[in-house]
Amino acid sequence: MENLNLIIVLLLLVVVVNAIFSAILFSRGLRNIFNILFGLISFGVAAWSIAISGFYSEALHSYTNWLAWTHSSALFIPLVFVYFSNVFPEKLIKGKLFYLITALPFLAILYYLFTDHAIVGKITGLEYEIGPGYIYYQIILIAYFLAGYCLLFLQYRKNKEPVRRQQIKYILIGSITASMLGMITDLIFPFLGIFNYTWLGPIFTVILVVSIFIAILRYHLFNIKVIITEFFSLIVLVILIVDAFSTGAENILILGIKSVALVIITIFLYFFIRGVYKTEKLAKELEVANKRQEDLLHLMNHDVKKPLSRDISIFASILDGSYGSLPPQMKDLVEEGFKLTRADTQKIIDFLNDANLKTGEVKYASLPFDLRRVVELAVQGMKKELMDAKVELKIQIESDKTYLVKGDEEKFSGHVLGNLLKNLTTYARAARAVLSLVERDGKILLSLKDSGIGITSDDMKNLFTKGGKGAKAVEINKEATGEGLYDAKMTTEVHGGKIWAESEGAGKGSTFFVELPAGEARLPVTQN
């Protein structure tokens, strides 16, 4: 009797595990046929375990025809397994006729199990007679499993994706192992008059469950974080429900308190699981979006920036006389094409730099350099543009002093100084400007003051934000992207500094400040 009680406990444990697993799969969405079919398999295993427990229980043994339920639920599992194998990962056999033909043998067996003793004969204790129709029951059950194996094998052959093939392989091995062991204890042994091991059939399904979870853990068949959350949440609920209903009817107050606590905890677990699910869903969507962004950046870098750079070289070769002198009108046209192409190329570069800064893919050198020399070279490089914009730039830097900072000289020059000087030629045309360097209190302060269009208080709020474009700036430069100063801000901050601007308002000029640590300040990024 003690052994029977242990068997019943083990079977009920299988019921709980499979019921929880079934509920988890159903919660993935009823629109997914795969979830529904696998949930039905778990439900069938749970029903099989309950029926065997009822058959072994002294109190429930004569309550109903438990053997009809055990055999029907055991046959239901391979039937659904056939349907599952047909649709995972893609449907092989289409049409309702397939489902009708495969379901007819099951319905016929179901009829004979509950109406006469053609399959299962007279019951004596925990043993029973094998009816003349039992051989047909065996043939149909084995045929279902063989059909499922064949369909999974065809799925494996047809699907060339490595991850899917591994998923199919794990499920195929797990299902074959579990079903073979179950058929030995619950199909062949009873036919030979051995009834002591029929309770092992549902327990062997643990092998199938483990195989599925291996596929989940290693190949993300489902979201394992969400599943684990749901699994343990349902276990908590089962424990609380059993505890609540185990309270005697005379303890009305305690029962009421436990019931209220159960409701509150159920609501909490519902929102908790929902939150985990949404978080994982957003993480997956973000992963897809990041992949698309990577593809776009690759496209812009290889299919947009490179051709534009090539065009700049062609224009430059024409302008420097490599192909002979140009008529005045053609020279003006080529210069305009050169200017516009270079501006478009710079926009692409700014966009790619911005994207790389955000993803952390940009690597910076961490070497000391003289900021005075870098400023002078940057101004020299923009000399033509400054002249074309009629900007009168005055440099106020002590010529014999070294302004040592540590970082990436090239990137600081291009992303910070380049953007500030480029803005000067755009928004301070025919204006005066002063660029100065001052070292004090362990900091080096670069300032660029101009008498240009100025900055309103509203525009100042968005000045260093991504895509931040002032209203007046857009009037002057309709192609402004707002990426330049954002790029300058990101680069300055990576160098351990800060950047800001001051202005008394529209038409009153502006001053841009860049403050950096002096001397051996360390750059908090990966050294190139």
Protein backbone atom coordinates (compact mmCIF):
# COMPACT_ATOMS: atom_id res chain seq x y z
CA MET A 1 0.00 0.00 0.00
CA GLU A 2 2.87 2.32 0.82
CA ASN A 3 4.32 1.66 -2.66
CA LEU A 4 0.96 2.50 -4.24
CA ASN A 5 0.83 5.79 -2.35
CA LEU A 6 4.33 6.63 -3.58
CA ILE A 7 3.33 5.80 -7.15
CA ILE A 8 0.25 8.03 -6.88
CA VAL A 9 2.38 10.89 -5.54
CA LEU A 10 4.84 10.52 -8.42
CA LEU A 11 2.00 10.45 -10.94
CA LEU A 12 0.38 13.52 -9.43
CA LEU A 13 3.74 15.28 -9.62
CA VAL A 14 3.82 14.44 -13.33
CA VAL A 15 0.30 15.88 -13.59
CA VAL A 16 1.37 19.16 -11.97
CA VAL A 17 4.51 19.49 -14.10
CA ASN A 18 2.70 18.76 -17.36
CA ALA A 19 -0.29 20.91 -16.45
CA ILE A 20 2.05 23.83 -15.72
CA PHE A 21 3.98 23.23 -18.91
CA SER A 22 0.71 23.07 -20.87
CA ALA A 23 -0.50 26.32 -19.31
CA ILE A 24 2.79 28.02 -20.14
CA LEU A 25 2.56 26.97 -23.77
CA PHE A 26 -1.06 28.06 -24.06
CA SER A 27 -0.06 31.44 -22.60
CA ARG A 28 2.35 31.92 -25.51
CA GLY A 29 -0.71 32.57 -27.67
CA LEU A 30 -3.56 30.45 -29.03
CA ARG A 31 -2.86 31.68 -32.55
CA ASN A 32 0.32 29.62 -32.69
CA ILE A 33 -0.69 26.09 -33.71
CA PHE A 34 2.61 24.74 -32.43
CA ASN A 35 1.90 26.04 -28.93
CA ILE A 36 -1.61 24.58 -29.00
CA LEU A 37 -0.52 21.11 -30.13
CA PHE A 38 2.35 20.85 -27.69
CA GLY A 39 0.08 22.09 -24.94
CA LEU A 40 -2.40 19.33 -25.86
CA ILE A 41 0.39 16.73 -25.63
CA SER A 42 1.19 17.92 -22.11
CA PHE A 43 -2.51 17.90 -21.29
CA GLY A 44 -2.79 14.31 -22.56
CA VAL A 45 0.11 13.20 -20.37
CA ALA A 46 -1.51 14.87 -17.35
CA ALA A 47 -4.84 13.15 -18.09
CA TRP A 48 -3.04 9.81 -18.48
CA SER A 49 -1.35 10.26 -15.09
CA ILE A 50 -4.65 11.17 -13.40
CA ALA A 51 -6.38 8.13 -14.87
CA ILE A 52 -3.63 5.75 -13.67
CA SER A 53 -3.70 7.40 -10.22
CA GLY A 54 -7.46 6.86 -10.06
CA PHE A 55 -7.04 3.23 -11.07
CA TYR A 56 -4.42 2.66 -8.32
CA SER A 57 -6.36 4.55 -5.64
CA GLU A 58 -8.46 2.39 -3.29
CA ALA A 59 -10.93 5.22 -2.72
CA LEU A 60 -11.39 6.00 -6.41
CA HIS A 61 -10.73 2.63 -8.02
CA SER A 62 -14.41 1.80 -8.64
CA TYR A 63 -15.49 5.41 -9.27
CA THR A 64 -15.31 5.19 -13.10
CA ASN A 65 -13.85 3.13 -15.91
CA TRP A 66 -10.30 4.34 -15.32
CA LEU A 67 -8.76 1.93 -17.83
CA ALA A 68 -10.86 3.42 -20.62
CA TRP A 69 -9.49 6.84 -19.64
CA THR A 70 -5.89 5.62 -19.36
CA HIS A 71 -5.94 3.95 -22.78
CA SER A 72 -7.78 6.81 -24.51
CA SER A 73 -5.45 9.49 -23.09
CA ALA A 74 -2.40 7.35 -23.92
CA LEU A 75 -3.65 7.09 -27.53
CA PHE A 76 -4.49 10.81 -27.64
CA ILE A 77 -0.79 11.71 -27.08
CA PRO A 78 0.61 10.07 -30.27
CA LEU A 79 -2.35 11.39 -32.31
CA VAL A 80 -1.51 14.98 -31.35
CA PHE A 81 2.17 14.14 -31.79
CA VAL A 82 1.42 13.36 -35.46
CA TYR A 83 -0.27 16.74 -35.90
CA PHE A 84 2.60 18.46 -34.12
CA SER A 85 5.22 16.76 -36.29
CA ASN A 86 3.31 17.83 -39.38
CA VAL A 87 3.45 21.56 -38.54
CA PHE A 88 6.81 22.00 -36.82
CA PRO A 89 8.59 24.00 -38.05
CA GLU A 90 6.41 24.24 -41.19
CA LYS A 91 3.31 22.47 -42.45
CA LEU A 92 4.08 19.43 -44.62
CA ILE A 93 0.64 17.96 -45.36
CA LYS A 94 -2.11 20.50 -45.97
CA GLY A 95 -5.84 20.03 -46.04
CA LYS A 96 -8.54 18.87 -43.61
CA LEU A 97 -8.58 15.35 -45.07
CA PHE A 98 -5.26 14.53 -43.37
CA TYR A 99 -6.63 15.43 -39.94
CA LEU A 100 -9.88 13.56 -40.57
CA ILE A 101 -8.18 10.34 -41.69
CA THR A 102 -5.76 10.30 -38.75
CA ALA A 103 -8.52 11.07 -36.23
CA LEU A 104 -10.95 8.31 -37.36
CA PRO A 105 -8.97 5.36 -35.81
CA PHE A 106 -8.75 7.27 -32.51
CA LEU A 107 -12.51 7.91 -32.48
CA ALA A 108 -13.19 4.25 -33.26
CA ILE A 109 -10.95 3.08 -30.40
CA LEU A 110 -12.58 5.65 -28.12
CA TYR A 111 -15.99 4.20 -28.91
CA TYR A 112 -14.99 0.61 -28.10
CA LEU A 113 -13.12 1.61 -24.93
CA PHE A 114 -16.20 3.19 -23.36
CA THR A 115 -18.97 0.96 -24.74
CA ASP A 116 -17.77 -2.67 -24.42
CA HIS A 117 -14.83 -4.88 -23.42
CA ALA A 118 -13.41 -5.53 -26.89
CA ILE A 119 -10.11 -3.86 -26.01
CA VAL A 120 -9.90 -4.07 -22.21
CA GLY A 121 -11.70 -7.04 -20.64
CA LYS A 122 -12.61 -7.91 -17.08
CA ILE A 123 -10.80 -6.03 -14.30
CA THR A 124 -9.50 -7.91 -11.25
CA GLY A 125 -7.83 -5.64 -8.71
CA LEU A 126 -4.94 -3.93 -10.45
CA GLU A 127 -4.93 -6.42 -13.33
CA TYR A 128 -7.20 -6.77 -16.33
CA GLU A 129 -7.85 -9.06 -19.24
CA ILE A 130 -6.68 -8.23 -22.73
CA GLY A 131 -9.62 -8.10 -25.15
CA PRO A 132 -9.56 -9.37 -28.75
CA GLY A 133 -9.38 -5.80 -30.06
CA TYR A 134 -6.28 -4.92 -28.02
CA ILE A 135 -4.02 -5.84 -30.95
CA TYR A 136 -5.74 -3.14 -33.06
CA TYR A 137 -5.19 -0.63 -30.27
CA GLN A 138 -1.47 -1.51 -30.26
CA ILE A 139 -1.20 -1.24 -34.05
CA ILE A 140 -2.90 2.16 -34.17
CA LEU A 141 -0.80 3.58 -31.29
CA ILE A 142 2.46 2.37 -32.84
CA ALA A 143 1.37 3.64 -36.26
CA TYR A 144 0.73 7.10 -34.83
CA PHE A 145 4.19 7.29 -33.31
CA LEU A 146 5.86 5.95 -36.47
CA ALA A 147 3.99 8.54 -38.55
CA GLY A 148 5.16 11.27 -36.18
CA TYR A 149 8.77 10.10 -36.40
CA CYS A 150 8.61 10.03 -40.21
CA LEU A 151 7.15 13.53 -40.38
CA LEU A 152 9.82 14.89 -38.04
CA PHE A 153 12.49 13.16 -40.10
CA LEU A 154 11.07 14.77 -43.26
CA GLN A 155 11.07 18.13 -41.47
CA TYR A 156 14.73 17.58 -40.60
CA ARG A 157 15.64 16.72 -44.20
CA LYS A 158 13.64 19.61 -45.65
CA ASN A 159 14.83 22.33 -43.26
CA LYS A 160 18.40 23.51 -43.94
CA GLU A 161 18.61 26.08 -41.14
CA PRO A 162 21.10 24.74 -38.54
CA VAL A 163 19.18 25.98 -35.48
CA ARG A 164 15.89 24.46 -36.66
CA ARG A 165 17.59 21.16 -37.50
CA GLN A 166 19.02 21.00 -33.98
CA GLN A 167 15.59 21.72 -32.49
CA ILE A 168 14.01 18.93 -34.55
CA LYS A 169 16.84 16.55 -33.64
CA TYR A 170 16.41 17.09 -29.88
CA ILE A 171 12.63 16.69 -30.06
CA LEU A 172 12.93 13.62 -32.28
CA ILE A 173 15.42 11.87 -29.98
CA GLY A 174 13.43 12.78 -26.85
CA SER A 175 10.10 11.64 -28.30
CA ILE A 176 11.50 8.34 -29.59
CA THR A 177 13.14 7.52 -26.25
CA ALA A 178 10.09 8.43 -24.15
CA SER A 179 7.56 6.70 -26.42
CA MET A 180 9.60 3.50 -26.76
CA LEU A 181 9.96 3.13 -23.00
CA GLY A 182 6.28 3.96 -22.49
CA MET A 183 5.15 1.42 -25.08
CA ILE A 184 7.21 -1.30 -23.40
CA THR A 185 5.68 -0.75 -19.94
CA ASP A 186 2.14 0.17 -20.98
CA LEU A 187 1.59 -1.66 -24.26
CA ILE A 188 3.80 -4.73 -24.50
CA PHE A 189 3.98 -5.74 -20.81
CA PRO A 190 0.16 -5.78 -20.33
CA PHE A 191 -0.18 -7.86 -23.49
CA LEU A 192 2.19 -10.36 -21.83
CA GLY A 193 0.21 -10.26 -18.57
CA ILE A 194 2.64 -7.97 -16.71
CA PHE A 195 0.73 -5.08 -15.05
CA ASN A 196 3.17 -3.93 -12.35
CA TYR A 197 4.85 -1.23 -14.44
CA THR A 198 2.04 0.56 -16.28
CA TRP A 199 2.48 3.58 -13.98
CA LEU A 200 5.93 4.22 -15.48
CA GLY A 201 4.52 5.35 -18.84
CA PRO A 202 3.63 8.93 -17.84
CA ILE A 203 6.84 9.27 -15.84
CA PHE A 204 8.89 8.44 -18.93
CA THR A 205 7.43 11.55 -20.55
CA VAL A 206 9.87 13.51 -18.37
CA ILE A 207 12.46 12.54 -21.00
CA LEU A 208 10.36 14.30 -23.63
CA VAL A 209 9.97 17.37 -21.40
CA VAL A 210 13.73 17.48 -20.78
CA SER A 211 14.45 17.22 -24.51
CA ILE A 212 12.15 20.15 -25.19
CA PHE A 213 13.78 22.22 -22.46
CA ILE A 214 17.22 21.46 -23.89
CA ALA A 215 15.98 22.84 -27.20
CA ILE A 216 14.63 25.88 -25.33
CA LEU A 217 17.81 26.54 -23.37
CA ARG A 218 20.26 26.01 -26.20
CA TYR A 219 18.30 27.12 -29.23
CA HIS A 220 15.64 29.53 -27.87
CA LEU A 221 12.62 27.62 -29.07
CA PHE A 222 10.72 29.76 -26.55
CA ASN A 223 11.84 32.60 -24.31
CA ILE A 224 13.37 30.73 -21.37
CA LYS A 225 13.21 33.73 -18.98
CA VAL A 226 9.48 34.08 -19.45
CA ILE A 227 8.91 30.32 -19.20
CA ILE A 228 10.89 29.98 -15.95
CA THR A 229 8.99 32.93 -14.49
CA GLU A 230 5.64 31.41 -15.43
CA PHE A 231 6.69 27.93 -14.29
CA PHE A 232 7.63 28.97 -10.76
CA SER A 233 4.69 31.37 -10.54
CA LEU A 234 2.28 28.53 -11.33
CA ILE A 235 4.00 26.27 -8.79
CA VAL A 236 3.50 28.97 -6.13
CA LEU A 237 -0.19 29.21 -7.09
CA VAL A 238 -0.66 25.43 -6.92
CA ILE A 239 0.90 25.33 -3.45
CA LEU A 240 -1.26 28.23 -2.26
CA ILE A 241 -4.45 26.67 -3.68
CA VAL A 242 -3.74 23.31 -2.03
CA ASP A 243 -2.95 25.03 1.26
CA ALA A 244 -6.11 27.18 1.11
CA PHE A 245 -8.46 24.29 0.40
CA SER A 246 -6.79 22.04 2.96
CA THR A 247 -8.10 24.39 5.65
CA GLY A 248 -11.11 22.91 7.43
CA ALA A 249 -14.58 24.40 6.88
CA GLU A 250 -14.74 25.30 10.58
CA ASN A 251 -11.82 27.73 10.19
CA ILE A 252 -13.84 30.23 8.17
CA LEU A 253 -11.70 33.22 9.15
CA ILE A 254 -8.41 31.53 8.21
CA LEU A 255 -9.92 30.24 4.96
CA GLY A 256 -11.11 33.76 4.11
CA ILE A 257 -7.70 35.29 4.81
CA LYS A 258 -5.96 32.65 2.70
CA SER A 259 -8.45 33.14 -0.14
CA VAL A 260 -7.92 36.91 -0.17
CA ALA A 261 -4.14 36.41 -0.07
CA LEU A 262 -4.43 33.93 -2.94
CA VAL A 263 -6.35 36.46 -5.06
CA ILE A 264 -3.83 39.25 -4.31
CA ILE A 265 -0.83 37.04 -5.08
CA THR A 266 -2.49 35.80 -8.29
CA ILE A 267 -3.00 39.38 -9.48
CA PHE A 268 0.59 40.27 -8.55
CA LEU A 269 2.00 37.23 -10.38
CA TYR A 270 -0.12 38.03 -13.43
CA PHE A 271 1.29 41.55 -13.74
CA PHE A 272 4.78 40.29 -12.89
CA ILE A 273 4.71 37.71 -15.69
CA ARG A 274 3.20 40.27 -18.03
CA GLY A 275 6.01 42.69 -17.22
CA VAL A 276 8.69 40.05 -17.85
CA TYR A 277 7.02 39.10 -21.14
CA LYS A 278 6.86 42.72 -22.31
CA THR A 279 10.48 43.32 -21.33
CA GLU A 280 11.65 40.28 -23.27
CA LYS A 281 9.48 41.24 -26.23
CA LEU A 282 10.97 44.74 -26.28
CA ALA A 283 14.48 43.28 -25.98
CA LYS A 284 13.81 41.07 -28.99
CA GLU A 285 12.39 43.97 -31.00
CA LEU A 286 15.41 46.06 -30.02
CA GLU A 287 17.73 43.31 -31.21
CA VAL A 288 15.97 43.26 -34.58
CA ALA A 289 16.10 47.07 -34.81
CA ASN A 290 19.81 47.07 -33.99
CA LYS A 291 20.45 44.51 -36.72
CA ARG A 292 18.58 46.66 -39.22
CA GLN A 293 20.57 49.70 -38.11
CA GLU A 294 23.82 47.79 -38.60
CA ASP A 295 22.72 46.84 -42.12
CA LEU A 296 21.81 50.46 -42.87
CA LEU A 297 25.16 51.74 -41.57
CA HIS A 298 26.98 49.15 -43.65
CA LEU A 299 25.00 50.24 -46.72
CA MET A 300 25.71 53.94 -46.11
CA ASN A 301 29.39 53.33 -45.52
CA HIS A 302 30.04 51.12 -48.55
CA ASP A 303 27.39 52.13 -51.06
CA VAL A 304 26.96 55.84 -50.29
CA LYS A 305 30.04 57.31 -48.63
CA LYS A 306 32.62 55.63 -50.85
CA PRO A 307 31.04 56.76 -54.16
CA LEU A 308 30.76 60.32 -52.84
CA SER A 309 34.41 60.27 -51.76
CA ARG A 310 35.31 59.07 -55.25
CA ASP A 311 33.32 61.96 -56.77
CA ILE A 312 35.18 64.45 -54.55
CA SER A 313 38.49 63.13 -55.87
CA ILE A 314 37.26 63.49 -59.46
CA PHE A 315 36.12 67.09 -58.89
CA ALA A 316 39.41 67.91 -57.15
CA SER A 317 41.44 66.48 -60.06
CA ILE A 318 39.46 68.55 -62.55
CA LEU A 319 39.85 71.74 -60.48
CA ASP A 320 43.62 71.41 -59.97
CA GLY A 321 44.16 71.34 -63.75
CA SER A 322 45.00 67.64 -64.12
CA TYR A 323 42.76 67.53 -67.20
CA GLY A 324 43.60 70.98 -68.54
CA SER A 325 42.27 74.43 -67.86
CA LEU A 326 38.53 75.00 -67.58
CA PRO A 327 36.38 77.78 -69.04
CA PRO A 328 35.22 80.20 -66.31
CA GLN A 329 31.58 79.08 -66.42
CA MET A 330 32.50 75.38 -66.25
CA LYS A 331 34.96 76.07 -63.45
CA ASP A 332 32.24 77.73 -61.37
CA LEU A 333 29.96 74.75 -62.01
CA VAL A 334 32.64 72.21 -61.05
CA GLU A 335 33.48 74.19 -57.90
CA GLU A 336 29.82 74.18 -56.92
CA GLY A 337 29.61 70.42 -57.55
CA PHE A 338 32.78 69.90 -55.50
CA LYS A 339 31.37 71.98 -52.63
CA LEU A 340 27.98 70.27 -52.59
CA THR A 341 29.44 66.75 -52.87
CA ARG A 342 31.86 67.43 -50.04
CA ALA A 343 29.00 68.78 -47.91
CA ASP A 344 26.90 65.66 -48.60
CA THR A 345 29.85 63.43 -47.79
CA GLN A 346 30.36 65.25 -44.50
CA LYS A 347 26.71 64.65 -43.59
CA ILE A 348 27.17 60.94 -44.16
CA ILE A 349 30.35 60.95 -42.09
CA ASP A 350 28.62 62.85 -39.27
CA PHE A 351 25.74 60.38 -39.30
CA LEU A 352 28.07 57.35 -39.22
CA ASN A 353 30.18 58.90 -36.46
CA ASP A 354 27.08 59.60 -34.41
CA ALA A 355 25.81 56.03 -34.85
CA ASN A 356 29.20 54.55 -33.97
CA LEU A 357 29.50 56.74 -30.87
CA LYS A 358 26.13 55.54 -29.58
CA THR A 359 26.88 51.88 -30.18
CA GLY A 360 30.34 52.20 -28.61
CA GLU A 361 32.00 50.85 -31.74
CA VAL A 362 34.36 53.84 -32.11
CA LYS A 363 37.81 53.25 -30.65
CA TYR A 364 39.84 56.22 -29.45
CA ALA A 365 43.55 56.59 -29.04
CA SER A 366 44.67 57.71 -25.59
CA LEU A 367 47.83 59.67 -26.32
CA PRO A 368 49.03 63.15 -25.22
CA PHE A 369 48.85 65.92 -27.83
CA ASP A 370 49.27 69.70 -27.97
CA LEU A 371 45.83 71.28 -28.35
CA ARG A 372 47.37 74.54 -29.64
CA ARG A 373 48.97 72.77 -32.59
CA VAL A 374 45.74 70.85 -33.32
CA VAL A 375 43.74 74.11 -33.30
CA GLU A 376 46.18 75.83 -35.66
CA LEU A 377 46.11 72.88 -38.10
CA ALA A 378 42.30 72.76 -38.00
CA VAL A 379 42.05 76.49 -38.76
CA GLN A 380 44.59 76.12 -41.57
CA GLY A 381 42.54 73.28 -43.03
CA MET A 382 39.42 75.47 -43.05
CA LYS A 383 41.22 78.55 -44.41
CA LYS A 384 39.53 78.50 -47.83
CA GLU A 385 36.04 78.00 -46.36
CA LEU A 386 36.62 80.83 -43.87
CA MET A 387 37.74 83.12 -46.66
CA ASP A 388 34.77 82.18 -48.85
CA ALA A 389 32.42 82.94 -45.93
CA LYS A 390 34.27 86.24 -45.31
CA VAL A 391 34.82 85.31 -41.67
CA GLU A 392 37.52 87.33 -39.97
CA LEU A 393 38.96 84.83 -37.48
CA LYS A 394 41.51 85.97 -34.90
CA ILE A 395 43.48 83.40 -32.86
CA GLN A 396 44.50 84.39 -29.33
CA ILE A 397 46.85 81.65 -28.13
CA GLU A 398 50.28 82.00 -26.55
CA SER A 399 52.61 80.77 -29.30
CA ASP A 400 55.32 79.50 -26.93
CA LYS A 401 53.01 77.59 -24.61
CA THR A 402 52.01 73.91 -24.86
CA TYR A 403 48.42 72.99 -24.01
CA LEU A 404 48.80 69.30 -23.31
CA VAL A 405 45.74 67.07 -23.25
CA LYS A 406 45.34 63.32 -23.59
CA GLY A 407 43.07 61.63 -26.09
CA ASP A 408 42.53 61.04 -29.79
CA GLU A 409 43.97 64.00 -31.70
CA GLU A 410 42.43 63.09 -35.05
CA LYS A 411 38.91 62.51 -33.75
CA PHE A 412 38.93 65.58 -31.53
CA SER A 413 40.09 67.72 -34.43
CA GLY A 414 37.49 66.35 -36.84
CA HIS A 415 34.46 65.92 -34.56
CA VAL A 416 34.86 68.94 -32.26
CA LEU A 417 37.00 71.61 -33.93
CA GLY A 418 35.80 70.67 -37.40
CA ASN A 419 32.13 71.04 -36.47
CA LEU A 420 32.67 74.33 -34.61
CA LEU A 421 34.62 75.89 -37.49
CA LYS A 422 32.13 74.58 -40.05
CA ASN A 423 29.28 76.19 -38.11
CA LEU A 424 31.30 79.41 -38.05
CA THR A 425 31.44 79.50 -41.85
CA THR A 426 27.70 78.82 -42.05
CA TYR A 427 26.14 80.95 -39.32
CA ALA A 428 28.70 83.74 -38.90
CA ARG A 429 29.28 84.76 -42.51
CA ALA A 430 30.88 88.18 -42.98
CA ALA A 431 31.38 88.28 -39.22
CA ARG A 432 34.28 88.55 -36.81
CA ALA A 433 35.37 85.69 -34.56
CA VAL A 434 37.99 85.06 -31.87
CA LEU A 435 39.37 81.64 -30.98
CA SER A 436 41.32 81.40 -27.71
CA LEU A 437 42.91 78.85 -25.39
CA VAL A 438 43.35 79.35 -21.64
CA GLU A 439 44.74 76.97 -19.00
CA ARG A 440 43.67 77.31 -15.39
CA ASP A 441 42.95 75.07 -12.39
CA GLY A 442 44.03 71.92 -14.22
CA LYS A 443 41.64 72.60 -17.11
CA ILE A 444 42.14 73.86 -20.64
CA LEU A 445 39.34 76.08 -21.92
CA LEU A 446 38.85 76.60 -25.65
CA SER A 447 36.45 79.39 -26.63
CA LEU A 448 35.18 80.46 -30.04
CA LYS A 449 33.33 83.78 -29.99
CA ASP A 450 31.61 85.22 -33.07
CA SER A 451 29.35 88.11 -34.03
CA GLY A 452 27.02 85.92 -36.08
CA ILE A 453 23.27 85.21 -35.93
CA GLY A 454 23.29 84.39 -32.21
CA ILE A 455 21.17 81.77 -30.45
CA THR A 456 17.69 82.22 -28.98
CA SER A 457 16.80 80.74 -25.58
CA ASP A 458 14.46 78.23 -27.26
CA ASP A 459 17.13 77.05 -29.69
CA MET A 460 19.71 76.84 -26.89
CA LYS A 461 17.71 74.01 -25.24
CA ASN A 462 18.13 71.72 -28.27
CA LEU A 463 21.57 72.88 -29.38
CA PHE A 464 23.59 69.78 -28.44
CA THR A 465 20.82 67.20 -28.75
CA LYS A 466 20.52 64.67 -31.56
CA GLY A 467 18.84 66.35 -34.53
CA GLY A 468 18.64 69.64 -32.61
CA LYS A 469 18.22 72.41 -35.18
CA GLY A 470 17.48 76.05 -34.38
CA ALA A 471 14.73 77.87 -36.28
CA LYS A 472 17.11 80.57 -37.50
CA ALA A 473 19.74 78.00 -38.41
CA VAL A 474 17.27 76.14 -40.62
CA GLU A 475 16.42 79.39 -42.44
CA ILE A 476 20.10 79.90 -43.27
CA ASN A 477 20.98 76.26 -43.92
CA LYS A 478 17.95 74.24 -45.03
CA GLU A 479 20.10 71.07 -45.20
CA ALA A 480 21.15 71.26 -41.54
CA THR A 481 20.88 67.89 -39.79
CA GLY A 482 21.60 68.93 -36.20
CA GLU A 483 24.12 66.08 -35.90
CA GLY A 484 27.32 68.17 -35.89
CA LEU A 485 27.13 69.69 -32.40
CA TYR A 486 25.71 66.45 -30.99
CA ASP A 487 28.76 64.66 -32.42
CA ALA A 488 31.02 67.33 -30.90
CA LYS A 489 29.34 66.88 -27.51
CA MET A 490 29.70 63.09 -27.57
CA THR A 491 33.38 63.30 -28.53
CA THR A 492 34.13 65.96 -25.91
CA GLU A 493 32.49 63.93 -23.16
CA VAL A 494 34.42 60.81 -24.17
CA HIS A 495 37.58 62.89 -23.65
CA GLY A 496 36.44 63.69 -20.12
CA GLY A 497 35.44 67.25 -20.96
CA LYS A 498 32.30 69.29 -21.52
CA ILE A 499 30.99 71.65 -24.19
CA TRP A 500 28.44 74.44 -23.98
CA ALA A 501 27.38 77.69 -25.63
CA GLU A 502 26.36 81.17 -24.50
CA SER A 503 24.48 83.88 -26.36
CA GLU A 504 22.55 87.02 -25.48
CA GLY A 505 19.99 86.25 -28.16
CA ALA A 506 19.25 86.46 -31.86
CA GLY A 507 21.60 88.73 -33.79
CA LYS A 508 23.96 89.17 -30.85
CA GLY A 509 26.54 86.53 -31.66
CA SER A 510 27.50 83.46 -29.63
CA THR A 511 30.40 81.88 -27.82
CA PHE A 512 31.14 78.14 -27.75
CA PHE A 513 33.24 76.70 -24.94
CA VAL A 514 35.10 73.37 -24.77
CA GLU A 515 36.71 72.44 -21.46
CA LEU A 516 39.17 69.53 -21.23
CA PRO A 517 41.33 68.07 -18.44
CA ALA A 518 44.90 69.30 -18.79
CA GLY A 519 47.99 67.11 -18.77
CA GLU A 520 47.75 63.35 -18.20
CA ALA A 521 43.98 63.00 -17.99
CA ARG A 522 42.97 59.49 -18.92
CA LEU A 523 40.60 58.73 -21.74
CA PRO A 524 37.87 56.34 -20.49
CA VAL A 525 37.62 54.31 -23.70
CA THR A 526 39.39 51.45 -25.44
CA GLN A 527 42.78 52.38 -26.85
CA ASN A 528 43.06 51.88 -30.57
